[in-house]
Structure formats: structure tokens, C-alpha cells
């Protein structure tokens, strides 16, 4: 079994850093995945609620992205035994842990926008 490396060991090795970043990107890359995750950050959502919160996403694309996020352990699909069947989606613990990354992206995006606007 391979020894688990510390974050500092990974940061000091460009090859390991690239591998770790690529692992992350393979899970969250796509036009809609981060938007879906952001929409679900606070609580469970039904399909139509997610779609309503993300303008221009088609039902087909939302379904595809949710399946990929579920396959990667980011989203959990909950089926309720009701008539008609009711389905909700929620973030797993792994999905919720992305919040810190999203918060940093939000901060960076706001700072970047401000700096770009100030140079115009």
C-alpha cells in the first residue's frame, strides 16, 4: 500500500501537484457542475428546483451532470416511496467539503473583477 503524502510534500512536487489538481478537475469540471453544487450547498433540492436556479441549463444536461456528480460521490439521489415518486438530491459529505474551495473561488472572482474594472 502506498504511503499517504502530506500536503506540503505534494505542493513541493510539481508532478504530484498536477495529479492532485487534475483529480479535482475531473470531478468538478464542466459548464454546470459547480453551479449545481452551489445550488445544493444549503439543502436538498428537487430536480426542478435545481433547474430553476440555473438559467439556460437543459433538463437533459442537468440529468447528465447530476449522474456524473452522483457517480463521483459528490451528490446523493434520494428516492421517496410516494405516489408519484418523489426524488431529491443532496450533497454528500465530500460534496459539502467543496464549500471551502467555492468560497475561495468567490473571493478570488470578486477581487479579480474589481481589479479588471479598475484598469478600464
PDB file of N, CA and C in Angstrom:
ATOM      1  N   UNK A   1       0.845  -1.189   0.000  1.00  0.00           N
ATOM      2  CA  UNK A   1       0.000   0.000   0.000  1.00  0.00           C
ATOM      3  C   UNK A   1       0.887   1.249   0.000  1.00  0.00           C
ATOM      4  N   UNK A   2       0.518   2.220  -0.819  1.00  0.00           N
ATOM      5  CA  UNK A   2       1.314   3.430  -0.960  1.00  0.00           C
ATOM      6  C   UNK A   2       1.150   4.343   0.250  1.00  0.00           C
ATOM      7  N   UNK A   3       2.248   4.935   0.653  1.00  0.00           N
ATOM      8  CA  UNK A   3       2.232   5.861   1.792  1.00  0.00           C
ATOM      9  C   UNK A   3       1.512   7.150   1.403  1.00  0.00           C
ATOM     10  N   UNK A   4       0.674   7.654   2.293  1.00  0.00           N
ATOM     11  CA  UNK A   4      -0.037   8.895   2.044  1.00  0.00           C
ATOM     12  C   UNK A   4       0.921  10.058   2.293  1.00  0.00           C
ATOM     13  N   UNK A   5       1.010  10.938   1.327  1.00  0.00           N
ATOM     14  CA  UNK A   5       1.926  12.073   1.430  1.00  0.00           C
ATOM     15  C   UNK A   5       1.202  13.268   2.052  1.00  0.00           C
ATOM     16  N   UNK A   6       1.984  14.111   2.726  1.00  0.00           N
ATOM     17  CA  UNK A   6       1.417  15.315   3.320  1.00  0.00           C
ATOM     18  C   UNK A   6       1.182  16.351   2.219  1.00  0.00           C
ATOM     19  N   UNK A   7       0.343  17.323   2.527  1.00  0.00           N
ATOM     20  CA  UNK A   7       0.044  18.381   1.560  1.00  0.00           C
ATOM     21  C   UNK A   7       1.310  19.150   1.184  1.00  0.00           C
ATOM     22  N   UNK A   8       2.213  19.334   2.150  1.00  0.00           N
ATOM     23  CA  UNK A   8       3.459  20.047   1.852  1.00  0.00           C
ATOM     24  C   UNK A   8       4.354  19.259   0.913  1.00  0.00           C
ATOM     25  N   UNK A   9       4.379  17.927   1.079  1.00  0.00           N
ATOM     26  CA  UNK A   9       5.153  17.087   0.160  1.00  0.00           C
ATOM     27  C   UNK A   9       4.576  17.168  -1.247  1.00  0.00           C
ATOM     28  N   UNK A  10       3.264  17.188  -1.337  1.00  0.00           N
ATOM     29  CA  UNK A  10       2.615  17.274  -2.642  1.00  0.00           C
ATOM     30  C   UNK A  10       2.863  18.632  -3.269  1.00  0.00           C
ATOM     31  N   UNK A  11       2.749  19.703  -2.482  1.00  0.00           N
ATOM     32  CA  UNK A  11       2.989  21.054  -3.011  1.00  0.00           C
ATOM     33  C   UNK A  11       4.419  21.216  -3.530  1.00  0.00           C
ATOM     34  N   UNK A  12       5.362  20.545  -2.882  1.00  0.00           N
ATOM     35  CA  UNK A  12       6.764  20.698  -3.277  1.00  0.00           C
ATOM     36  C   UNK A  12       7.123  19.869  -4.507  1.00  0.00           C
ATOM     37  N   UNK A  13       6.212  19.048  -4.966  1.00  0.00           N
ATOM     38  CA  UNK A  13       6.466  18.204  -6.143  1.00  0.00           C
ATOM     39  C   UNK A  13       5.481  18.589  -7.244  1.00  0.00           C
ATOM     40  N   UNK A  14       5.980  19.238  -8.307  1.00  0.00           N
ATOM     41  CA  UNK A  14       5.074  19.659  -9.388  1.00  0.00           C
ATOM     42  C   UNK A  14       4.261  18.520  -9.990  1.00  0.00           C
ATOM     43  N   UNK A  15       4.844  17.343 -10.118  1.00  0.00           N
ATOM     44  CA  UNK A  15       4.126  16.211 -10.716  1.00  0.00           C
ATOM     45  C   UNK A  15       2.941  15.806  -9.838  1.00  0.00           C
ATOM     46  N   UNK A  16       3.173  15.682  -8.531  1.00  0.00           N
ATOM     47  CA  UNK A  16       2.094  15.315  -7.616  1.00  0.00           C
ATOM     48  C   UNK A  16       1.035  16.412  -7.532  1.00  0.00           C
ATOM     49  N   UNK A  17       1.469  17.667  -7.588  1.00  0.00           N
ATOM     50  CA  UNK A  17       0.527  18.790  -7.557  1.00  0.00           C
ATOM     51  C   UNK A  17      -0.396  18.743  -8.769  1.00  0.00           C
ATOM     52  N   UNK A  18       0.173  18.524  -9.931  1.00  0.00           N
ATOM     53  CA  UNK A  18      -0.624  18.461 -11.161  1.00  0.00           C
ATOM     54  C   UNK A  18      -1.602  17.284 -11.086  1.00  0.00           C
ATOM     55  N   UNK A  19      -1.146  16.137 -10.602  1.00  0.00           N
ATOM     56  CA  UNK A  19      -2.031  14.976 -10.483  1.00  0.00           C
ATOM     57  C   UNK A  19      -3.209  15.261  -9.546  1.00  0.00           C
ATOM     58  N   UNK A  20      -2.925  15.889  -8.417  1.00  0.00           N
ATOM     59  CA  UNK A  20      -3.983  16.193  -7.445  1.00  0.00           C
ATOM     60  C   UNK A  20      -4.990  17.195  -8.018  1.00  0.00           C
ATOM     61  N   UNK A  21      -4.494  18.223  -8.696  1.00  0.00           N
ATOM     62  CA  UNK A  21      -5.382  19.214  -9.315  1.00  0.00           C
ATOM     63  C   UNK A  21      -6.214  18.561 -10.408  1.00  0.00           C
ATOM     64  N   UNK A  22      -5.594  17.710 -11.215  1.00  0.00           N
ATOM     65  CA  UNK A  22      -6.331  17.018 -12.275  1.00  0.00           C
ATOM     66  C   UNK A  22      -7.411  16.101 -11.712  1.00  0.00           C
ATOM     67  N   UNK A  23      -7.136  15.448 -10.574  1.00  0.00           N
ATOM     68  CA  UNK A  23      -8.151  14.624  -9.923  1.00  0.00           C
ATOM     69  C   UNK A  23      -9.363  15.479  -9.541  1.00  0.00           C
ATOM     70  N   UNK A  24      -9.093  16.643  -8.984  1.00  0.00           N
ATOM     71  CA  UNK A  24     -10.165  17.552  -8.590  1.00  0.00           C
ATOM     72  C   UNK A  24     -10.953  18.016  -9.803  1.00  0.00           C
ATOM     73  N   UNK A  25     -10.229  18.462 -10.819  1.00  0.00           N
ATOM     74  CA  UNK A  25     -10.901  18.974 -12.012  1.00  0.00           C
ATOM     75  C   UNK A  25     -11.721  17.914 -12.724  1.00  0.00           C
ATOM     76  N   UNK A  26     -11.278  16.674 -12.693  1.00  0.00           N
ATOM     77  CA  UNK A  26     -12.038  15.621 -13.367  1.00  0.00           C
ATOM     78  C   UNK A  26     -13.408  15.425 -12.726  1.00  0.00           C
ATOM     79  N   UNK A  27     -13.531  15.779 -11.459  1.00  0.00           N
ATOM     80  CA  UNK A  27     -14.812  15.631 -10.758  1.00  0.00           C
ATOM     81  C   UNK A  27     -15.699  16.863 -10.939  1.00  0.00           C
ATOM     82  N   UNK A  28     -15.129  18.060 -10.922  1.00  0.00           N
ATOM     83  CA  UNK A  28     -15.955  19.276 -10.914  1.00  0.00           C
ATOM     84  C   UNK A  28     -15.955  20.054 -12.221  1.00  0.00           C
ATOM     85  N   UNK A  29     -15.168  19.615 -13.215  1.00  0.00           N
ATOM     86  CA  UNK A  29     -15.111  20.344 -14.472  1.00  0.00           C
ATOM     87  C   UNK A  29     -16.365  20.089 -15.291  1.00  0.00           C
ATOM     88  N   UNK A  30     -16.765  21.098 -15.958  1.00  0.00           N
ATOM     89  CA  UNK A  30     -17.959  21.072 -16.799  1.00  0.00           C
ATOM     90  C   UNK A  30     -18.640  22.408 -16.644  1.00  0.00           C
ATOM     91  N   UNK A  31     -19.387  22.766 -17.630  1.00  0.00           N
ATOM     92  CA  UNK A  31     -20.026  24.083 -17.615  1.00  0.00           C
ATOM     93  C   UNK A  31     -20.974  24.258 -16.432  1.00  0.00           C
ATOM     94  N   UNK A  32     -21.586  23.182 -15.963  1.00  0.00           N
ATOM     95  CA  UNK A  32     -22.667  23.305 -14.988  1.00  0.00           C
ATOM     96  C   UNK A  32     -22.382  22.721 -13.613  1.00  0.00           C
ATOM     97  N   UNK A  33     -21.371  21.903 -13.454  1.00  0.00           N
ATOM     98  CA  UNK A  33     -21.189  21.170 -12.192  1.00  0.00           C
ATOM     99  C   UNK A  33     -21.058  22.082 -10.975  1.00  0.00           C
ATOM    100  N   UNK A  34     -20.237  23.099 -11.065  1.00  0.00           N
ATOM    101  CA  UNK A  34     -20.075  23.984  -9.908  1.00  0.00           C
ATOM    102  C   UNK A  34     -21.363  24.749  -9.603  1.00  0.00           C
ATOM    103  N   UNK A  35     -22.094  25.116 -10.634  1.00  0.00           N
ATOM    104  CA  UNK A  35     -23.381  25.785 -10.414  1.00  0.00           C
ATOM    105  C   UNK A  35     -24.360  24.859  -9.708  1.00  0.00           C
ATOM    106  N   UNK A  36     -24.373  23.600 -10.109  1.00  0.00           N
ATOM    107  CA  UNK A  36     -25.249  22.613  -9.460  1.00  0.00           C
ATOM    108  C   UNK A  36     -24.858  22.461  -7.996  1.00  0.00           C
ATOM    109  N   UNK A  37     -23.572  22.328  -7.737  1.00  0.00           N
ATOM    110  CA  UNK A  37     -23.091  22.181  -6.360  1.00  0.00           C
ATOM    111  C   UNK A  37     -23.459  23.410  -5.535  1.00  0.00           C
ATOM    112  N   UNK A  38     -23.254  24.602  -6.079  1.00  0.00           N
ATOM    113  CA  UNK A  38     -23.602  25.840  -5.359  1.00  0.00           C
ATOM    114  C   UNK A  38     -25.087  25.883  -5.029  1.00  0.00           C
ATOM    115  N   UNK A  39     -25.909  25.479  -5.968  1.00  0.00           N
ATOM    116  CA  UNK A  39     -27.356  25.482  -5.762  1.00  0.00           C
ATOM    117  C   UNK A  39     -27.756  24.575  -4.610  1.00  0.00           C
ATOM    118  N   UNK A  40     -27.033  23.472  -4.456  1.00  0.00           N
ATOM    119  CA  UNK A  40     -27.382  22.481  -3.444  1.00  0.00           C
ATOM    120  C   UNK A  40     -26.634  22.673  -2.129  1.00  0.00           C
ATOM    121  N   UNK A  41     -25.852  23.704  -2.006  1.00  0.00           N
ATOM    122  CA  UNK A  41     -24.973  23.878  -0.847  1.00  0.00           C
ATOM    123  C   UNK A  41     -25.737  23.957   0.477  1.00  0.00           C
ATOM    124  N   UNK A  42     -26.938  24.497   0.478  1.00  0.00           N
ATOM    125  CA  UNK A  42     -27.643  24.730   1.742  1.00  0.00           C
ATOM    126  C   UNK A  42     -28.620  23.640   2.135  1.00  0.00           C
ATOM    127  N   UNK A  43     -29.206  22.983   1.141  1.00  0.00           N
ATOM    128  CA  UNK A  43     -30.162  21.932   1.484  1.00  0.00           C
ATOM    129  C   UNK A  43     -30.496  21.071   0.272  1.00  0.00           C
ATOM    130  N   UNK A  44     -31.311  20.058   0.509  1.00  0.00           N
ATOM    131  CA  UNK A  44     -31.749  19.159  -0.556  1.00  0.00           C
ATOM    132  C   UNK A  44     -32.550  19.947  -1.580  1.00  0.00           C
ATOM    133  N   UNK A  45     -32.489  19.464  -2.817  1.00  0.00           N
ATOM    134  CA  UNK A  45     -33.261  20.112  -3.877  1.00  0.00           C
ATOM    135  C   UNK A  45     -33.878  19.060  -4.782  1.00  0.00           C
ATOM    136  N   UNK A  46     -35.036  19.382  -5.296  1.00  0.00           N
ATOM    137  CA  UNK A  46     -35.653  18.571  -6.331  1.00  0.00           C
ATOM    138  C   UNK A  46     -35.090  19.015  -7.680  1.00  0.00           C
ATOM    139  N   UNK A  47     -35.220  18.153  -8.660  1.00  0.00           N
ATOM    140  CA  UNK A  47     -34.688  18.407  -9.992  1.00  0.00           C
ATOM    141  C   UNK A  47     -35.126  19.772 -10.521  1.00  0.00           C
ATOM    142  N   UNK A  48     -36.421  20.045 -10.435  1.00  0.00           N
ATOM    143  CA  UNK A  48     -36.948  21.301 -10.983  1.00  0.00           C
ATOM    144  C   UNK A  48     -36.431  22.523 -10.224  1.00  0.00           C
ATOM    145  N   UNK A  49     -36.173  22.372  -8.930  1.00  0.00           N
ATOM    146  CA  UNK A  49     -35.613  23.487  -8.148  1.00  0.00           C
ATOM    147  C   UNK A  49     -34.195  23.812  -8.620  1.00  0.00           C
ATOM    148  N   UNK A  50     -33.427  22.758  -8.856  1.00  0.00           N
ATOM    149  CA  UNK A  50     -32.056  22.965  -9.347  1.00  0.00           C
ATOM    150  C   UNK A  50     -32.108  23.645 -10.706  1.00  0.00           C
ATOM    151  N   UNK A  51     -32.959  23.137 -11.578  1.00  0.00           N
ATOM    152  CA  UNK A  51     -33.066  23.699 -12.928  1.00  0.00           C
ATOM    153  C   UNK A  51     -33.510  25.159 -12.884  1.00  0.00           C
ATOM    154  N   UNK A  52     -34.432  25.477 -12.011  1.00  0.00           N
ATOM    155  CA  UNK A  52     -34.929  26.845 -11.883  1.00  0.00           C
ATOM    156  C   UNK A  52     -33.822  27.809 -11.431  1.00  0.00           C
ATOM    157  N   UNK A  53     -32.896  27.310 -10.604  1.00  0.00           N
ATOM    158  CA  UNK A  53     -31.817  28.157 -10.084  1.00  0.00           C
ATOM    159  C   UNK A  53     -30.668  28.360 -11.058  1.00  0.00           C
ATOM    160  N   UNK A  54     -30.617  27.565 -12.112  1.00  0.00           N
ATOM    161  CA  UNK A  54     -29.507  27.663 -13.069  1.00  0.00           C
ATOM    162  C   UNK A  54     -30.093  27.988 -14.441  1.00  0.00           C
ATOM    163  N   UNK A  55     -30.023  29.251 -14.812  1.00  0.00           N
ATOM    164  CA  UNK A  55     -30.619  29.636 -16.096  1.00  0.00           C
ATOM    165  C   UNK A  55     -29.870  28.977 -17.254  1.00  0.00           C
ATOM    166  N   UNK A  56     -30.612  28.620 -18.239  1.00  0.00           N
ATOM    167  CA  UNK A  56     -30.128  28.056 -19.503  1.00  0.00           C
ATOM    168  C   UNK A  56     -29.680  26.597 -19.458  1.00  0.00           C
ATOM    169  N   UNK A  57     -29.753  25.922 -18.320  1.00  0.00           N
ATOM    170  CA  UNK A  57     -29.395  24.505 -18.306  1.00  0.00           C
ATOM    171  C   UNK A  57     -30.613  23.705 -18.785  1.00  0.00           C
ATOM    172  N   UNK A  58     -30.375  22.772 -19.683  1.00  0.00           N
ATOM    173  CA  UNK A  58     -31.470  21.947 -20.191  1.00  0.00           C
ATOM    174  C   UNK A  58     -31.707  20.772 -19.243  1.00  0.00           C
ATOM    175  N   UNK A  59     -32.902  20.226 -19.239  1.00  0.00           N
ATOM    176  CA  UNK A  59     -33.165  19.054 -18.388  1.00  0.00           C
ATOM    177  C   UNK A  59     -32.213  17.892 -18.697  1.00  0.00           C
ATOM    178  N   UNK A  60     -31.925  17.691 -19.960  1.00  0.00           N
ATOM    179  CA  UNK A  60     -31.025  16.602 -20.355  1.00  0.00           C
ATOM    180  C   UNK A  60     -29.624  16.805 -19.776  1.00  0.00           C
ATOM    181  N   UNK A  61     -29.117  18.032 -19.858  1.00  0.00           N
ATOM    182  CA  UNK A  61     -27.775  18.320 -19.340  1.00  0.00           C
ATOM    183  C   UNK A  61     -27.757  18.232 -17.819  1.00  0.00           C
ATOM    184  N   UNK A  62     -28.803  18.725 -17.162  1.00  0.00           N
ATOM    185  CA  UNK A  62     -28.872  18.635 -15.701  1.00  0.00           C
ATOM    186  C   UNK A  62     -28.870  17.179 -15.261  1.00  0.00           C
ATOM    187  N   UNK A  63     -29.636  16.359 -15.942  1.00  0.00           N
ATOM    188  CA  UNK A  63     -29.682  14.937 -15.617  1.00  0.00           C
ATOM    189  C   UNK A  63     -28.309  14.294 -15.785  1.00  0.00           C
ATOM    190  N   UNK A  64     -27.640  14.602 -16.875  1.00  0.00           N
ATOM    191  CA  UNK A  64     -26.302  14.055 -17.147  1.00  0.00           C
ATOM    192  C   UNK A  64     -25.307  14.480 -16.067  1.00  0.00           C
ATOM    193  N   UNK A  65     -25.307  15.762 -15.732  1.00  0.00           N
ATOM    194  CA  UNK A  65     -24.366  16.283 -14.737  1.00  0.00           C
ATOM    195  C   UNK A  65     -24.648  15.711 -13.351  1.00  0.00           C
ATOM    196  N   UNK A  66     -25.916  15.587 -12.984  1.00  0.00           N
ATOM    197  CA  UNK A  66     -26.263  15.001 -11.686  1.00  0.00           C
ATOM    198  C   UNK A  66     -25.797  13.545 -11.599  1.00  0.00           C
ATOM    199  N   UNK A  67     -25.961  12.802 -12.689  1.00  0.00           N
ATOM    200  CA  UNK A  67     -25.499  11.410 -12.707  1.00  0.00           C
ATOM    201  C   UNK A  67     -23.986  11.333 -12.518  1.00  0.00           C
ATOM    202  N   UNK A  68     -23.244  12.218 -13.180  1.00  0.00           N
ATOM    203  CA  UNK A  68     -21.787  12.227 -13.040  1.00  0.00           C
ATOM    204  C   UNK A  68     -21.373  12.620 -11.625  1.00  0.00           C
ATOM    205  N   UNK A  69     -22.049  13.617 -11.061  1.00  0.00           N
ATOM    206  CA  UNK A  69     -21.735  14.029  -9.692  1.00  0.00           C
ATOM    207  C   UNK A  69     -22.073  12.913  -8.701  1.00  0.00           C
ATOM    208  N   UNK A  70     -23.143  12.196  -8.965  1.00  0.00           N
ATOM    209  CA  UNK A  70     -23.513  11.066  -8.108  1.00  0.00           C
ATOM    210  C   UNK A  70     -22.468   9.951  -8.228  1.00  0.00           C
ATOM    211  N   UNK A  71     -22.046   9.673  -9.442  1.00  0.00           N
ATOM    212  CA  UNK A  71     -21.051   8.629  -9.684  1.00  0.00           C
ATOM    213  C   UNK A  71     -19.721   8.949  -8.971  1.00  0.00           C
ATOM    214  N   UNK A  72     -19.406  10.238  -8.861  1.00  0.00           N
ATOM    215  CA  UNK A  72     -18.167  10.664  -8.216  1.00  0.00           C
ATOM    216  C   UNK A  72     -18.323  10.923  -6.716  1.00  0.00           C
ATOM    217  N   UNK A  73     -19.475  10.594  -6.156  1.00  0.00           N
ATOM    218  CA  UNK A  73     -19.665  10.708  -4.713  1.00  0.00           C
ATOM    219  C   UNK A  73     -19.857  12.117  -4.202  1.00  0.00           C
ATOM    220  N   UNK A  74     -20.279  13.027  -5.060  1.00  0.00           N
ATOM    221  CA  UNK A  74     -20.493  14.416  -4.661  1.00  0.00           C
ATOM    222  C   UNK A  74     -21.959  14.661  -4.315  1.00  0.00           C
ATOM    223  N   UNK A  75     -22.851  13.987  -5.044  1.00  0.00           N
ATOM    224  CA  UNK A  75     -24.291  14.153  -4.877  1.00  0.00           C
ATOM    225  C   UNK A  75     -24.918  12.806  -4.557  1.00  0.00           C
ATOM    226  N   UNK A  76     -25.922  12.847  -3.707  1.00  0.00           N
ATOM    227  CA  UNK A  76     -26.686  11.640  -3.375  1.00  0.00           C
ATOM    228  C   UNK A  76     -28.117  11.844  -3.856  1.00  0.00           C
ATOM    229  N   UNK A  77     -28.649  10.834  -4.526  1.00  0.00           N
ATOM    230  CA  UNK A  77     -30.024  10.859  -5.034  1.00  0.00           C
ATOM    231  C   UNK A  77     -30.894  10.114  -4.035  1.00  0.00           C
ATOM    232  N   UNK A  78     -31.963  10.772  -3.575  1.00  0.00           N
ATOM    233  CA  UNK A  78     -32.861  10.180  -2.587  1.00  0.00           C
ATOM    234  C   UNK A  78     -34.229   9.987  -3.239  1.00  0.00           C
ATOM    235  N   UNK A  79     -34.681   8.743  -3.279  1.00  0.00           N
ATOM    236  CA  UNK A  79     -35.984   8.415  -3.866  1.00  0.00           C
ATOM    237  C   UNK A  79     -36.955   8.121  -2.736  1.00  0.00           C
ATOM    238  N   UNK A  80     -38.064   8.863  -2.714  1.00  0.00           N
ATOM    239  CA  UNK A  80     -39.088   8.672  -1.695  1.00  0.00           C
ATOM    240  C   UNK A  80     -40.214   7.807  -2.266  1.00  0.00           C
ATOM    241  N   UNK A  81     -40.673   6.877  -1.464  1.00  0.00           N
ATOM    242  CA  UNK A  81     -41.723   5.954  -1.876  1.00  0.00           C
ATOM    243  C   UNK A  81     -43.088   6.633  -1.705  1.00  0.00           C
ATOM    244  N   UNK A  82     -43.378   7.527  -2.641  1.00  0.00           N
ATOM    245  CA  UNK A  82     -44.643   8.248  -2.634  1.00  0.00           C
ATOM    246  C   UNK A  82     -45.309   8.054  -3.989  1.00  0.00           C
ATOM    247  N   UNK A  83     -46.532   8.505  -4.107  1.00  0.00           N
ATOM    248  CA  UNK A  83     -47.226   8.457  -5.391  1.00  0.00           C
ATOM    249  C   UNK A  83     -47.597   9.877  -5.771  1.00  0.00           C
ATOM    250  N   UNK A  84     -47.060  10.430  -6.842  1.00  0.00           N
ATOM    251  CA  UNK A  84     -45.993   9.871  -7.667  1.00  0.00           C
ATOM    252  C   UNK A  84     -44.666   9.860  -6.898  1.00  0.00           C
ATOM    253  N   UNK A  85     -43.705   9.122  -7.418  1.00  0.00           N
ATOM    254  CA  UNK A  85     -42.384   9.020  -6.787  1.00  0.00           C
ATOM    255  C   UNK A  85     -41.761  10.408  -6.697  1.00  0.00           C
ATOM    256  N   UNK A  86     -41.183  10.712  -5.557  1.00  0.00           N
ATOM    257  CA  UNK A  86     -40.542  11.996  -5.327  1.00  0.00           C
ATOM    258  C   UNK A  86     -39.035  11.759  -5.195  1.00  0.00           C
ATOM    259  N   UNK A  87     -38.251  12.601  -5.856  1.00  0.00           N
ATOM    260  CA  UNK A  87     -36.792  12.452  -5.841  1.00  0.00           C
ATOM    261  C   UNK A  87     -36.164  13.778  -5.436  1.00  0.00           C
ATOM    262  N   UNK A  88     -35.200  13.696  -4.534  1.00  0.00           N
ATOM    263  CA  UNK A  88     -34.420  14.867  -4.129  1.00  0.00           C
ATOM    264  C   UNK A  88     -32.944  14.539  -4.278  1.00  0.00           C
ATOM    265  N   UNK A  89     -32.169  15.583  -4.403  1.00  0.00           N
ATOM    266  CA  UNK A  89     -30.717  15.457  -4.498  1.00  0.00           C
ATOM    267  C   UNK A  89     -30.109  16.262  -3.371  1.00  0.00           C
ATOM    268  N   UNK A  90     -29.051  15.708  -2.775  1.00  0.00           N
ATOM    269  CA  UNK A  90     -28.332  16.451  -1.747  1.00  0.00           C
ATOM    270  C   UNK A  90     -26.842  16.158  -1.873  1.00  0.00           C
ATOM    271  N   UNK A  91     -26.049  17.071  -1.353  1.00  0.00           N
ATOM    272  CA  UNK A  91     -24.604  16.885  -1.371  1.00  0.00           C
ATOM    273  C   UNK A  91     -24.204  15.854  -0.326  1.00  0.00           C
ATOM    274  N   UNK A  92     -23.238  15.034  -0.656  1.00  0.00           N
ATOM    275  CA  UNK A  92     -22.649  14.117   0.311  1.00  0.00           C
ATOM    276  C   UNK A  92     -21.697  14.926   1.183  1.00  0.00           C
ATOM    277  N   UNK A  93     -21.097  14.287   2.161  1.00  0.00           N
ATOM    278  CA  UNK A  93     -20.101  14.986   2.981  1.00  0.00           C
ATOM    279  C   UNK A  93     -18.947  15.475   2.103  1.00  0.00           C
ATOM    280  N   UNK A  94     -18.541  14.658   1.145  1.00  0.00           N
ATOM    281  CA  UNK A  94     -17.483  15.066   0.221  1.00  0.00           C
ATOM    282  C   UNK A  94     -17.924  16.281  -0.592  1.00  0.00           C
ATOM    283  N   UNK A  95     -19.167  16.275  -1.039  1.00  0.00           N
ATOM    284  CA  UNK A  95     -19.697  17.413  -1.783  1.00  0.00           C
ATOM    285  C   UNK A  95     -19.754  18.681  -0.947  1.00  0.00           C
ATOM    286  N   UNK A  96     -20.142  18.534   0.313  1.00  0.00           N
ATOM    287  CA  UNK A  96     -20.205  19.695   1.208  1.00  0.00           C
ATOM    288  C   UNK A  96     -18.817  20.256   1.495  1.00  0.00           C
ATOM    289  N   UNK A  97     -17.809  19.389   1.465  1.00  0.00           N
ATOM    290  CA  UNK A  97     -16.447  19.853   1.754  1.00  0.00           C
ATOM    291  C   UNK A  97     -15.890  20.752   0.653  1.00  0.00           C
ATOM    292  N   UNK A  98     -16.561  20.804  -0.489  1.00  0.00           N
ATOM    293  CA  UNK A  98     -16.130  21.684  -1.581  1.00  0.00           C
ATOM    294  C   UNK A  98     -16.435  23.146  -1.255  1.00  0.00           C
ATOM    295  N   UNK A  99     -17.253  23.376  -0.238  1.00  0.00           N
ATOM    296  CA  UNK A  99     -17.637  24.750   0.122  1.00  0.00           C
ATOM    297  C   UNK A  99     -16.422  25.658   0.311  1.00  0.00           C
ATOM    298  N   UNK A 100     -15.403  25.158   0.980  1.00  0.00           N
ATOM    299  CA  UNK A 100     -14.199  25.954   1.222  1.00  0.00           C
ATOM    300  C   UNK A 100     -13.549  26.385  -0.106  1.00  0.00           C
ATOM    301  N   UNK A 101     -13.511  25.472  -1.050  1.00  0.00           N
ATOM    302  CA  UNK A 101     -12.953  25.775  -2.374  1.00  0.00           C
ATOM    303  C   UNK A 101     -13.817  26.824  -3.072  1.00  0.00           C
ATOM    304  N   UNK A 102     -15.134  26.643  -3.016  1.00  0.00           N
ATOM    305  CA  UNK A 102     -16.038  27.595  -3.661  1.00  0.00           C
ATOM    306  C   UNK A 102     -15.954  28.978  -3.022  1.00  0.00           C
ATOM    307  N   UNK A 103     -15.817  29.022  -1.698  1.00  0.00           N
ATOM    308  CA  UNK A 103     -15.677  30.312  -1.015  1.00  0.00           C
ATOM    309  C   UNK A 103     -14.419  31.032  -1.491  1.00  0.00           C
ATOM    310  N   UNK A 104     -13.316  30.296  -1.651  1.00  0.00           N
ATOM    311  CA  UNK A 104     -12.076  30.902  -2.149  1.00  0.00           C
ATOM    312  C   UNK A 104     -12.244  31.377  -3.584  1.00  0.00           C
ATOM    313  N   UNK A 105     -12.948  30.596  -4.398  1.00  0.00           N
ATOM    314  CA  UNK A 105     -13.200  30.992  -5.783  1.00  0.00           C
ATOM    315  C   UNK A 105     -14.061  32.250  -5.833  1.00  0.00           C
ATOM    316  N   UNK A 106     -15.045  32.329  -4.949  1.00  0.00           N
ATOM    317  CA  UNK A 106     -15.904  33.503  -4.863  1.00  0.00           C
ATOM    318  C   UNK A 106     -15.078  34.741  -4.506  1.00  0.00           C
ATOM    319  N   UNK A 107     -14.244  34.629  -3.490  1.00  0.00           N
ATOM    320  CA  UNK A 107     -13.391  35.749  -3.080  1.00  0.00           C
ATOM    321  C   UNK A 107     -12.471  36.178  -4.221  1.00  0.00           C
ATOM    322  N   UNK A 108     -11.824  35.191  -4.849  1.00  0.00           N
ATOM    323  CA  UNK A 108     -10.902  35.499  -5.943  1.00  0.00           C
ATOM    324  C   UNK A 108     -11.640  36.167  -7.097  1.00  0.00           C
ATOM    325  N   UNK A 109     -12.816  35.634  -7.446  1.00  0.00           N
ATOM    326  CA  UNK A 109     -13.596  36.184  -8.554  1.00  0.00           C
ATOM    327  C   UNK A 109     -13.996  37.629  -8.320  1.00  0.00           C
ATOM    328  N   UNK A 110     -14.407  37.936  -7.099  1.00  0.00           N
ATOM    329  CA  UNK A 110     -14.790  39.310  -6.776  1.00  0.00           C
ATOM    330  C   UNK A 110     -13.582  40.245  -6.835  1.00  0.00           C
ATOM    331  N   UNK A 111     -12.447  39.810  -6.292  1.00  0.00           N
ATOM    332  CA  UNK A 111     -11.229  40.627  -6.336  1.00  0.00           C
ATOM    333  C   UNK A 111     -10.753  40.815  -7.774  1.00  0.00           C
ATOM    334  N   UNK A 112     -10.789  39.759  -8.540  1.00  0.00           N
ATOM    335  CA  UNK A 112     -10.335  39.834  -9.924  1.00  0.00           C
ATOM    336  C   UNK A 112     -11.210  40.779 -10.737  1.00  0.00           C
ATOM    337  N   UNK A 113     -12.523  40.648 -10.572  1.00  0.00           N
ATOM    338  CA  UNK A 113     -13.444  41.536 -11.295  1.00  0.00           C
ATOM    339  C   UNK A 113     -13.178  42.995 -10.933  1.00  0.00           C
ATOM    340  N   UNK A 114     -12.954  43.238  -9.642  1.00  0.00           N
ATOM    341  CA  UNK A 114     -12.704  44.602  -9.163  1.00  0.00           C
ATOM    342  C   UNK A 114     -11.400  45.157  -9.786  1.00  0.00           C
ATOM    343  N   UNK A 115     -10.358  44.315  -9.830  1.00  0.00           N
ATOM    344  CA  UNK A 115      -9.085  44.783 -10.382  1.00  0.00           C
ATOM    345  C   UNK A 115      -9.187  45.005 -11.895  1.00  0.00           C
ATOM    346  N   UNK A 116      -9.936  44.185 -12.584  1.00  0.00           N
ATOM    347  CA  UNK A 116     -10.097  44.360 -14.031  1.00  0.00           C
ATOM    348  C   UNK A 116     -10.901  45.627 -14.334  1.00  0.00           C
ATOM    349  N   UNK A 117     -11.957  45.848 -13.576  1.00  0.00           N
ATOM    350  CA  UNK A 117     -12.785  47.041 -13.784  1.00  0.00           C
ATOM    351  C   UNK A 117     -11.989  48.304 -13.483  1.00  0.00           C
ATOM    352  N   UNK A 118     -11.133  48.262 -12.472  1.00  0.00           N
ATOM    353  CA  UNK A 118     -10.347  49.446 -12.100  1.00  0.00           C
ATOM    354  C   UNK A 118      -9.295  49.799 -13.150  1.00  0.00           C
ATOM    355  N   UNK A 119      -8.922  48.849 -14.003  1.00  0.00           N
ATOM    356  CA  UNK A 119      -7.912  49.127 -15.041  1.00  0.00           C
ATOM    357  C   UNK A 119      -8.559  49.630 -16.325  1.00  0.00           C
ATOM    358  N   UNK A 120      -9.883  49.607 -16.405  1.00  0.00           N
ATOM    359  CA  UNK A 120     -10.555  50.051 -17.639  1.00  0.00           C
ATOM    360  C   UNK A 120     -10.673  51.547 -17.705  1.00  0.00           C
TER     361      UNK A 120
END
